[in-house]
Amino acid sequence: MKKQTRRKLSRDEDTMRPEYDFSKGVRGKHAARYAEGTNVVVLEADVAREFRTTEQVNETLRAVSKLLQQHRKRTRRKTA
């Protein structure tokens, strides 16, 4: 049996199937609502190696945030 080879498609070539009808589609209809619920942060490789799960990242960031808040309170007291 011969192995089938895929031919490369040019950028201008239409690959949309005729049964797909997007004539009544609205571009970006749900984009704003989707964006409200997401906050994507891309970690650099060296940082990503330290954390295996989302929970670990969030736990660490919450701890750092708490420390920063405490530090800000202390520095305000000294200057006031």
PDB file of N, CA and C in Angstrom:
ATOM      1  N   MET A   1       0.839  -1.175   0.000  1.00  0.00           N
ATOM      2  CA  MET A   1       0.000   0.000   0.000  1.00  0.00           C
ATOM      3  C   MET A   1       0.882   1.236   0.000  1.00  0.00           C
ATOM      4  N   LYS A   2       0.551   2.169  -0.872  1.00  0.00           N
ATOM      5  CA  LYS A   2       1.316   3.395  -1.000  1.00  0.00           C
ATOM      6  C   LYS A   2       0.941   4.397   0.083  1.00  0.00           C
ATOM      7  N   LYS A   3       1.933   5.095   0.578  1.00  0.00           N
ATOM      8  CA  LYS A   3       1.706   6.125   1.577  1.00  0.00           C
ATOM      9  C   LYS A   3       1.214   7.389   0.880  1.00  0.00           C
ATOM     10  N   GLN A   4       0.111   7.948   1.410  1.00  0.00           N
ATOM     11  CA  GLN A   4      -0.430   9.160   0.813  1.00  0.00           C
ATOM     12  C   GLN A   4       0.366  10.365   1.290  1.00  0.00           C
ATOM     13  N   THR A   5       0.634  11.263   0.394  1.00  0.00           N
ATOM     14  CA  THR A   5       1.331  12.483   0.767  1.00  0.00           C
ATOM     15  C   THR A   5       0.355  13.639   0.717  1.00  0.00           C
ATOM     16  N   ARG A   6       0.518  14.535   1.662  1.00  0.00           N
ATOM     17  CA  ARG A   6      -0.333  15.726   1.689  1.00  0.00           C
ATOM     18  C   ARG A   6       0.353  16.833   0.923  1.00  0.00           C
ATOM     19  N   ARG A   7      -0.415  17.515   0.123  1.00  0.00           N
ATOM     20  CA  ARG A   7       0.167  18.627  -0.604  1.00  0.00           C
ATOM     21  C   ARG A   7      -0.002  19.896   0.226  1.00  0.00           C
ATOM     22  N   LYS A   8       0.952  20.781   0.101  1.00  0.00           N
ATOM     23  CA  LYS A   8       0.891  22.043   0.828  1.00  0.00           C
ATOM     24  C   LYS A   8      -0.159  22.943   0.204  1.00  0.00           C
ATOM     25  N   LEU A   9      -0.897  23.631   1.066  1.00  0.00           N
ATOM     26  CA  LEU A   9      -1.916  24.560   0.594  1.00  0.00           C
ATOM     27  C   LEU A   9      -1.330  25.955   0.537  1.00  0.00           C
ATOM     28  N   SER A  10      -1.680  26.666  -0.489  1.00  0.00           N
ATOM     29  CA  SER A  10      -1.242  28.060  -0.555  1.00  0.00           C
ATOM     30  C   SER A  10      -2.153  28.882   0.341  1.00  0.00           C
ATOM     31  N   ARG A  11      -1.695  30.041   0.734  1.00  0.00           N
ATOM     32  CA  ARG A  11      -2.479  30.901   1.624  1.00  0.00           C
ATOM     33  C   ARG A  11      -3.788  31.350   0.993  1.00  0.00           C
ATOM     34  N   ASP A  12      -3.793  31.502  -0.299  1.00  0.00           N
ATOM     35  CA  ASP A  12      -4.974  32.011  -0.989  1.00  0.00           C
ATOM     36  C   ASP A  12      -5.991  30.927  -1.333  1.00  0.00           C
ATOM     37  N   GLU A  13      -5.618  29.679  -1.148  1.00  0.00           N
ATOM     38  CA  GLU A  13      -6.501  28.581  -1.528  1.00  0.00           C
ATOM     39  C   GLU A  13      -7.641  28.438  -0.519  1.00  0.00           C
ATOM     40  N   ASP A  14      -8.863  28.363  -1.002  1.00  0.00           N
ATOM     41  CA  ASP A  14     -10.041  28.230  -0.156  1.00  0.00           C
ATOM     42  C   ASP A  14     -10.205  26.781   0.269  1.00  0.00           C
ATOM     43  N   THR A  15     -10.158  26.522   1.572  1.00  0.00           N
ATOM     44  CA  THR A  15     -10.285  25.159   2.083  1.00  0.00           C
ATOM     45  C   THR A  15     -11.597  24.957   2.834  1.00  0.00           C
ATOM     46  N   MET A  16     -12.474  25.964   2.805  1.00  0.00           N
ATOM     47  CA  MET A  16     -13.743  25.871   3.515  1.00  0.00           C
ATOM     48  C   MET A  16     -14.700  24.936   2.775  1.00  0.00           C
ATOM     49  N   ARG A  17     -15.307  24.047   3.537  1.00  0.00           N
ATOM     50  CA  ARG A  17     -16.268  23.125   2.935  1.00  0.00           C
ATOM     51  C   ARG A  17     -17.551  23.870   2.566  1.00  0.00           C
ATOM     52  N   PRO A  18     -18.210  23.461   1.507  1.00  0.00           N
ATOM     53  CA  PRO A  18     -19.414  24.184   1.051  1.00  0.00           C
ATOM     54  C   PRO A  18     -20.571  24.114   2.049  1.00  0.00           C
ATOM     55  N   GLU A  19     -20.610  23.094   2.902  1.00  0.00           N
ATOM     56  CA  GLU A  19     -21.738  22.975   3.837  1.00  0.00           C
ATOM     57  C   GLU A  19     -21.642  23.927   5.029  1.00  0.00           C
ATOM     58  N   TYR A  20     -20.499  24.585   5.205  1.00  0.00           N
ATOM     59  CA  TYR A  20     -20.355  25.565   6.289  1.00  0.00           C
ATOM     60  C   TYR A  20     -20.886  26.905   5.815  1.00  0.00           C
ATOM     61  N   ASP A  21     -21.839  27.463   6.566  1.00  0.00           N
ATOM     62  CA  ASP A  21     -22.441  28.740   6.189  1.00  0.00           C
ATOM     63  C   ASP A  21     -22.238  29.746   7.317  1.00  0.00           C
ATOM     64  N   PHE A  22     -21.360  30.683   7.096  1.00  0.00           N
ATOM     65  CA  PHE A  22     -21.097  31.718   8.086  1.00  0.00           C
ATOM     66  C   PHE A  22     -21.676  33.062   7.661  1.00  0.00           C
ATOM     67  N   SER A  23     -22.640  33.046   6.762  1.00  0.00           N
ATOM     68  CA  SER A  23     -23.188  34.296   6.234  1.00  0.00           C
ATOM     69  C   SER A  23     -23.880  35.129   7.309  1.00  0.00           C
ATOM     70  N   LYS A  24     -24.415  34.487   8.347  1.00  0.00           N
ATOM     71  CA  LYS A  24     -25.087  35.219   9.425  1.00  0.00           C
ATOM     72  C   LYS A  24     -24.215  35.316  10.669  1.00  0.00           C
ATOM     73  N   GLY A  25     -22.962  34.941  10.552  1.00  0.00           N
ATOM     74  CA  GLY A  25     -22.043  34.989  11.685  1.00  0.00           C
ATOM     75  C   GLY A  25     -21.644  36.412  12.034  1.00  0.00           C
ATOM     76  N   VAL A  26     -21.332  36.614  13.311  1.00  0.00           N
ATOM     77  CA  VAL A  26     -20.894  37.922  13.792  1.00  0.00           C
ATOM     78  C   VAL A  26     -19.491  37.759  14.361  1.00  0.00           C
ATOM     79  N   ARG A  27     -18.549  38.482  13.814  1.00  0.00           N
ATOM     80  CA  ARG A  27     -17.162  38.378  14.258  1.00  0.00           C
ATOM     81  C   ARG A  27     -17.023  38.941  15.671  1.00  0.00           C
ATOM     82  N   GLY A  28     -16.410  38.159  16.551  1.00  0.00           N
ATOM     83  CA  GLY A  28     -16.139  38.618  17.911  1.00  0.00           C
ATOM     84  C   GLY A  28     -17.349  38.721  18.806  1.00  0.00           C
ATOM     85  N   LYS A  29     -18.405  38.021  18.487  1.00  0.00           N
ATOM     86  CA  LYS A  29     -19.661  38.119  19.237  1.00  0.00           C
ATOM     87  C   LYS A  29     -19.459  37.811  20.726  1.00  0.00           C
ATOM     88  N   HIS A  30     -18.670  36.811  21.036  1.00  0.00           N
ATOM     89  CA  HIS A  30     -18.473  36.396  22.420  1.00  0.00           C
ATOM     90  C   HIS A  30     -17.090  36.770  22.951  1.00  0.00           C
ATOM     91  N   ALA A  31     -16.307  37.488  22.189  1.00  0.00           N
ATOM     92  CA  ALA A  31     -14.921  37.777  22.564  1.00  0.00           C
ATOM     93  C   ALA A  31     -14.822  38.591  23.848  1.00  0.00           C
ATOM     94  N   ALA A  32     -15.638  39.610  24.011  1.00  0.00           N
ATOM     95  CA  ALA A  32     -15.555  40.468  25.191  1.00  0.00           C
ATOM     96  C   ALA A  32     -15.900  39.691  26.455  1.00  0.00           C
ATOM     97  N   ARG A  33     -16.956  38.897  26.387  1.00  0.00           N
ATOM     98  CA  ARG A  33     -17.357  38.111  27.559  1.00  0.00           C
ATOM     99  C   ARG A  33     -16.291  37.081  27.904  1.00  0.00           C
ATOM    100  N   TYR A  34     -15.703  36.473  26.897  1.00  0.00           N
ATOM    101  CA  TYR A  34     -14.642  35.492  27.132  1.00  0.00           C
ATOM    102  C   TYR A  34     -13.422  36.166  27.758  1.00  0.00           C
ATOM    103  N   ALA A  35     -13.056  37.324  27.275  1.00  0.00           N
ATOM    104  CA  ALA A  35     -11.871  38.022  27.773  1.00  0.00           C
ATOM    105  C   ALA A  35     -12.029  38.450  29.223  1.00  0.00           C
ATOM    106  N   GLU A  36     -13.246  38.722  29.666  1.00  0.00           N
ATOM    107  CA  GLU A  36     -13.478  39.117  31.058  1.00  0.00           C
ATOM    108  C   GLU A  36     -13.074  38.026  32.034  1.00  0.00           C
ATOM    109  N   GLY A  37     -13.245  36.789  31.632  1.00  0.00           N
ATOM    110  CA  GLY A  37     -12.987  35.679  32.551  1.00  0.00           C
ATOM    111  C   GLY A  37     -11.609  35.080  32.417  1.00  0.00           C
ATOM    112  N   THR A  38     -10.737  35.671  31.627  1.00  0.00           N
ATOM    113  CA  THR A  38      -9.417  35.090  31.460  1.00  0.00           C
ATOM    114  C   THR A  38      -8.335  36.125  31.711  1.00  0.00           C
ATOM    115  N   ASN A  39      -7.250  35.645  32.240  1.00  0.00           N
ATOM    116  CA  ASN A  39      -6.073  36.477  32.427  1.00  0.00           C
ATOM    117  C   ASN A  39      -4.888  35.555  32.229  1.00  0.00           C
ATOM    118  N   VAL A  40      -4.429  35.460  31.026  1.00  0.00           N
ATOM    119  CA  VAL A  40      -3.377  34.528  30.682  1.00  0.00           C
ATOM    120  C   VAL A  40      -2.022  35.185  30.893  1.00  0.00           C
ATOM    121  N   VAL A  41      -1.160  34.494  31.615  1.00  0.00           N
ATOM    122  CA  VAL A  41       0.201  34.948  31.831  1.00  0.00           C
ATOM    123  C   VAL A  41       1.121  33.832  31.370  1.00  0.00           C
ATOM    124  N   VAL A  42       2.070  34.159  30.521  1.00  0.00           N
ATOM    125  CA  VAL A  42       3.006  33.159  30.027  1.00  0.00           C
ATOM    126  C   VAL A  42       4.271  33.237  30.866  1.00  0.00           C
ATOM    127  N   LEU A  43       4.587  32.126  31.498  1.00  0.00           N
ATOM    128  CA  LEU A  43       5.778  32.069  32.339  1.00  0.00           C
ATOM    129  C   LEU A  43       6.997  31.744  31.496  1.00  0.00           C
ATOM    130  N   GLU A  44       8.119  32.325  31.854  1.00  0.00           N
ATOM    131  CA  GLU A  44       9.353  31.975  31.171  1.00  0.00           C
ATOM    132  C   GLU A  44       9.774  30.581  31.625  1.00  0.00           C
ATOM    133  N   ALA A  45      10.577  29.927  30.824  1.00  0.00           N
ATOM    134  CA  ALA A  45      10.928  28.515  31.023  1.00  0.00           C
ATOM    135  C   ALA A  45      11.508  28.246  32.407  1.00  0.00           C
ATOM    136  N   ASP A  46      12.419  29.098  32.872  1.00  0.00           N
ATOM    137  CA  ASP A  46      13.041  28.851  34.173  1.00  0.00           C
ATOM    138  C   ASP A  46      12.031  28.940  35.315  1.00  0.00           C
ATOM    139  N   VAL A  47      11.058  29.830  35.197  1.00  0.00           N
ATOM    140  CA  VAL A  47      10.020  29.950  36.216  1.00  0.00           C
ATOM    141  C   VAL A  47       9.055  28.771  36.119  1.00  0.00           C
ATOM    142  N   ALA A  48       8.671  28.403  34.913  1.00  0.00           N
ATOM    143  CA  ALA A  48       7.725  27.305  34.701  1.00  0.00           C
ATOM    144  C   ALA A  48       8.259  25.985  35.247  1.00  0.00           C
ATOM    145  N   ARG A  49       9.570  25.805  35.230  1.00  0.00           N
ATOM    146  CA  ARG A  49      10.145  24.555  35.754  1.00  0.00           C
ATOM    147  C   ARG A  49       9.901  24.396  37.248  1.00  0.00           C
ATOM    148  N   GLU A  50       9.711  25.508  37.939  1.00  0.00           N
ATOM    149  CA  GLU A  50       9.517  25.469  39.392  1.00  0.00           C
ATOM    150  C   GLU A  50       8.092  25.085  39.789  1.00  0.00           C
ATOM    151  N   PHE A  51       7.148  25.249  38.903  1.00  0.00           N
ATOM    152  CA  PHE A  51       5.740  25.005  39.230  1.00  0.00           C
ATOM    153  C   PHE A  51       5.154  23.957  38.297  1.00  0.00           C
ATOM    154  N   ARG A  52       4.514  22.968  38.881  1.00  0.00           N
ATOM    155  CA  ARG A  52       3.918  21.901  38.077  1.00  0.00           C
ATOM    156  C   ARG A  52       2.437  22.139  37.783  1.00  0.00           C
ATOM    157  N   THR A  53       1.773  22.904  38.645  1.00  0.00           N
ATOM    158  CA  THR A  53       0.331  23.091  38.472  1.00  0.00           C
ATOM    159  C   THR A  53      -0.052  24.563  38.595  1.00  0.00           C
ATOM    160  N   THR A  54      -1.232  24.880  38.134  1.00  0.00           N
ATOM    161  CA  THR A  54      -1.787  26.222  38.268  1.00  0.00           C
ATOM    162  C   THR A  54      -1.956  26.578  39.736  1.00  0.00           C
ATOM    163  N   GLU A  55      -2.370  25.599  40.520  1.00  0.00           N
ATOM    164  CA  GLU A  55      -2.592  25.834  41.952  1.00  0.00           C
ATOM    165  C   GLU A  55      -1.301  26.272  42.642  1.00  0.00           C
ATOM    166  N   GLN A  56      -0.179  25.661  42.275  1.00  0.00           N
ATOM    167  CA  GLN A  56       1.105  26.044  42.872  1.00  0.00           C
ATOM    168  C   GLN A  56       1.470  27.487  42.521  1.00  0.00           C
ATOM    169  N   VAL A  57       1.242  27.866  41.300  1.00  0.00           N
ATOM    170  CA  VAL A  57       1.535  29.235  40.873  1.00  0.00           C
ATOM    171  C   VAL A  57       0.660  30.211  41.648  1.00  0.00           C
ATOM    172  N   ASN A  58      -0.636  29.939  41.701  1.00  0.00           N
ATOM    173  CA  ASN A  58      -1.558  30.841  42.391  1.00  0.00           C
ATOM    174  C   ASN A  58      -1.258  30.933  43.880  1.00  0.00           C
ATOM    175  N   GLU A  59      -0.951  29.822  44.515  1.00  0.00           N
ATOM    176  CA  GLU A  59      -0.630  29.809  45.941  1.00  0.00           C
ATOM    177  C   GLU A  59       0.603  30.681  46.215  1.00  0.00           C
ATOM    178  N   THR A  60       1.607  30.547  45.387  1.00  0.00           N
ATOM    179  CA  THR A  60       2.833  31.326  45.558  1.00  0.00           C
ATOM    180  C   THR A  60       2.574  32.810  45.328  1.00  0.00           C
ATOM    181  N   LEU A  61       1.822  33.135  44.290  1.00  0.00           N
ATOM    182  CA  LEU A  61       1.522  34.542  44.020  1.00  0.00           C
ATOM    183  C   LEU A  61       0.687  35.161  45.138  1.00  0.00           C
ATOM    184  N   ARG A  62      -0.237  34.410  45.710  1.00  0.00           N
ATOM    185  CA  ARG A  62      -1.026  34.925  46.836  1.00  0.00           C
ATOM    186  C   ARG A  62      -0.136  35.195  48.039  1.00  0.00           C
ATOM    187  N   ALA A  63       0.808  34.310  48.300  1.00  0.00           N
ATOM    188  CA  ALA A  63       1.736  34.498  49.425  1.00  0.00           C
ATOM    189  C   ALA A  63       2.600  35.736  49.209  1.00  0.00           C
ATOM    190  N   VAL A  64       3.104  35.913  47.999  1.00  0.00           N
ATOM    191  CA  VAL A  64       3.922  37.083  47.687  1.00  0.00           C
ATOM    192  C   VAL A  64       3.084  38.352  47.807  1.00  0.00           C
ATOM    193  N   SER A  65       1.860  38.312  47.331  1.00  0.00           N
ATOM    194  CA  SER A  65       0.964  39.461  47.408  1.00  0.00           C
ATOM    195  C   SER A  65       0.714  39.846  48.863  1.00  0.00           C
ATOM    196  N   LYS A  66       0.506  38.863  49.715  1.00  0.00           N
ATOM    197  CA  LYS A  66       0.266  39.111  51.137  1.00  0.00           C
ATOM    198  C   LYS A  66       1.503  39.757  51.777  1.00  0.00           C
ATOM    199  N   LEU A  67       2.679  39.264  51.425  1.00  0.00           N
ATOM    200  CA  LEU A  67       3.909  39.852  51.947  1.00  0.00           C
ATOM    201  C   LEU A  67       4.069  41.304  51.496  1.00  0.00           C
ATOM    202  N   LEU A  68       3.754  41.579  50.245  1.00  0.00           N
ATOM    203  CA  LEU A  68       3.848  42.950  49.733  1.00  0.00           C
ATOM    204  C   LEU A  68       2.891  43.884  50.469  1.00  0.00           C
ATOM    205  N   GLN A  69       1.684  43.414  50.730  1.00  0.00           N
ATOM    206  CA  GLN A  69       0.709  44.229  51.453  1.00  0.00           C
ATOM    207  C   GLN A  69       1.203  44.537  52.857  1.00  0.00           C
ATOM    208  N   GLN A  70       1.755  43.543  53.534  1.00  0.00           N
ATOM    209  CA  GLN A  70       2.283  43.745  54.882  1.00  0.00           C
ATOM    210  C   GLN A  70       3.448  44.728  54.852  1.00  0.00           C
ATOM    211  N   HIS A  71       4.309  44.611  53.860  1.00  0.00           N
ATOM    212  CA  HIS A  71       5.448  45.511  53.732  1.00  0.00           C
ATOM    213  C   HIS A  71       4.983  46.942  53.498  1.00  0.00           C
ATOM    214  N   ARG A  72       3.973  47.123  52.666  1.00  0.00           N
ATOM    215  CA  ARG A  72       3.453  48.462  52.402  1.00  0.00           C
ATOM    216  C   ARG A  72       2.857  49.094  53.660  1.00  0.00           C
ATOM    217  N   LYS A  73       2.153  48.277  54.457  1.00  0.00           N
ATOM    218  CA  LYS A  73       1.573  48.787  55.702  1.00  0.00           C
ATOM    219  C   LYS A  73       2.666  49.248  56.641  1.00  0.00           C
ATOM    220  N   ARG A  74       3.745  48.483  56.746  1.00  0.00           N
ATOM    221  CA  ARG A  74       4.852  48.836  57.645  1.00  0.00           C
ATOM    222  C   ARG A  74       5.545  50.104  57.189  1.00  0.00           C
ATOM    223  N   THR A  75       5.750  50.244  55.896  1.00  0.00           N
ATOM    224  CA  THR A  75       6.455  51.434  55.405  1.00  0.00           C
ATOM    225  C   THR A  75       5.581  52.684  55.540  1.00  0.00           C
ATOM    226  N   ARG A  76       4.282  52.546  55.452  1.00  0.00           N
ATOM    227  CA  ARG A  76       3.378  53.689  55.644  1.00  0.00           C
ATOM    228  C   ARG A  76       3.421  54.168  57.093  1.00  0.00           C
ATOM    229  N   ARG A  77       3.475  53.238  58.017  1.00  0.00           N
ATOM    230  CA  ARG A  77       3.510  53.591  59.442  1.00  0.00           C
ATOM    231  C   ARG A  77       4.777  54.374  59.775  1.00  0.00           C
ATOM    232  N   LYS A  78       5.892  53.987  59.194  1.00  0.00           N
ATOM    233  CA  LYS A  78       7.172  54.639  59.489  1.00  0.00           C
ATOM    234  C   LYS A  78       7.219  56.058  58.937  1.00  0.00           C
ATOM    235  N   THR A  79       6.596  56.262  57.781  1.00  0.00           N
ATOM    236  CA  THR A  79       6.654  57.584  57.140  1.00  0.00           C
ATOM    237  C   THR A  79       5.589  58.526  57.680  1.00  0.00           C
ATOM    238  N   ALA A  80       4.538  58.006  58.279  1.00  0.00           N
ATOM    239  CA  ALA A  80       3.439  58.849  58.749  1.00  0.00           C
ATOM    240  C   ALA A  80       3.713  59.484  60.085  1.00  0.00           C
TER     241      ALA A  80
END
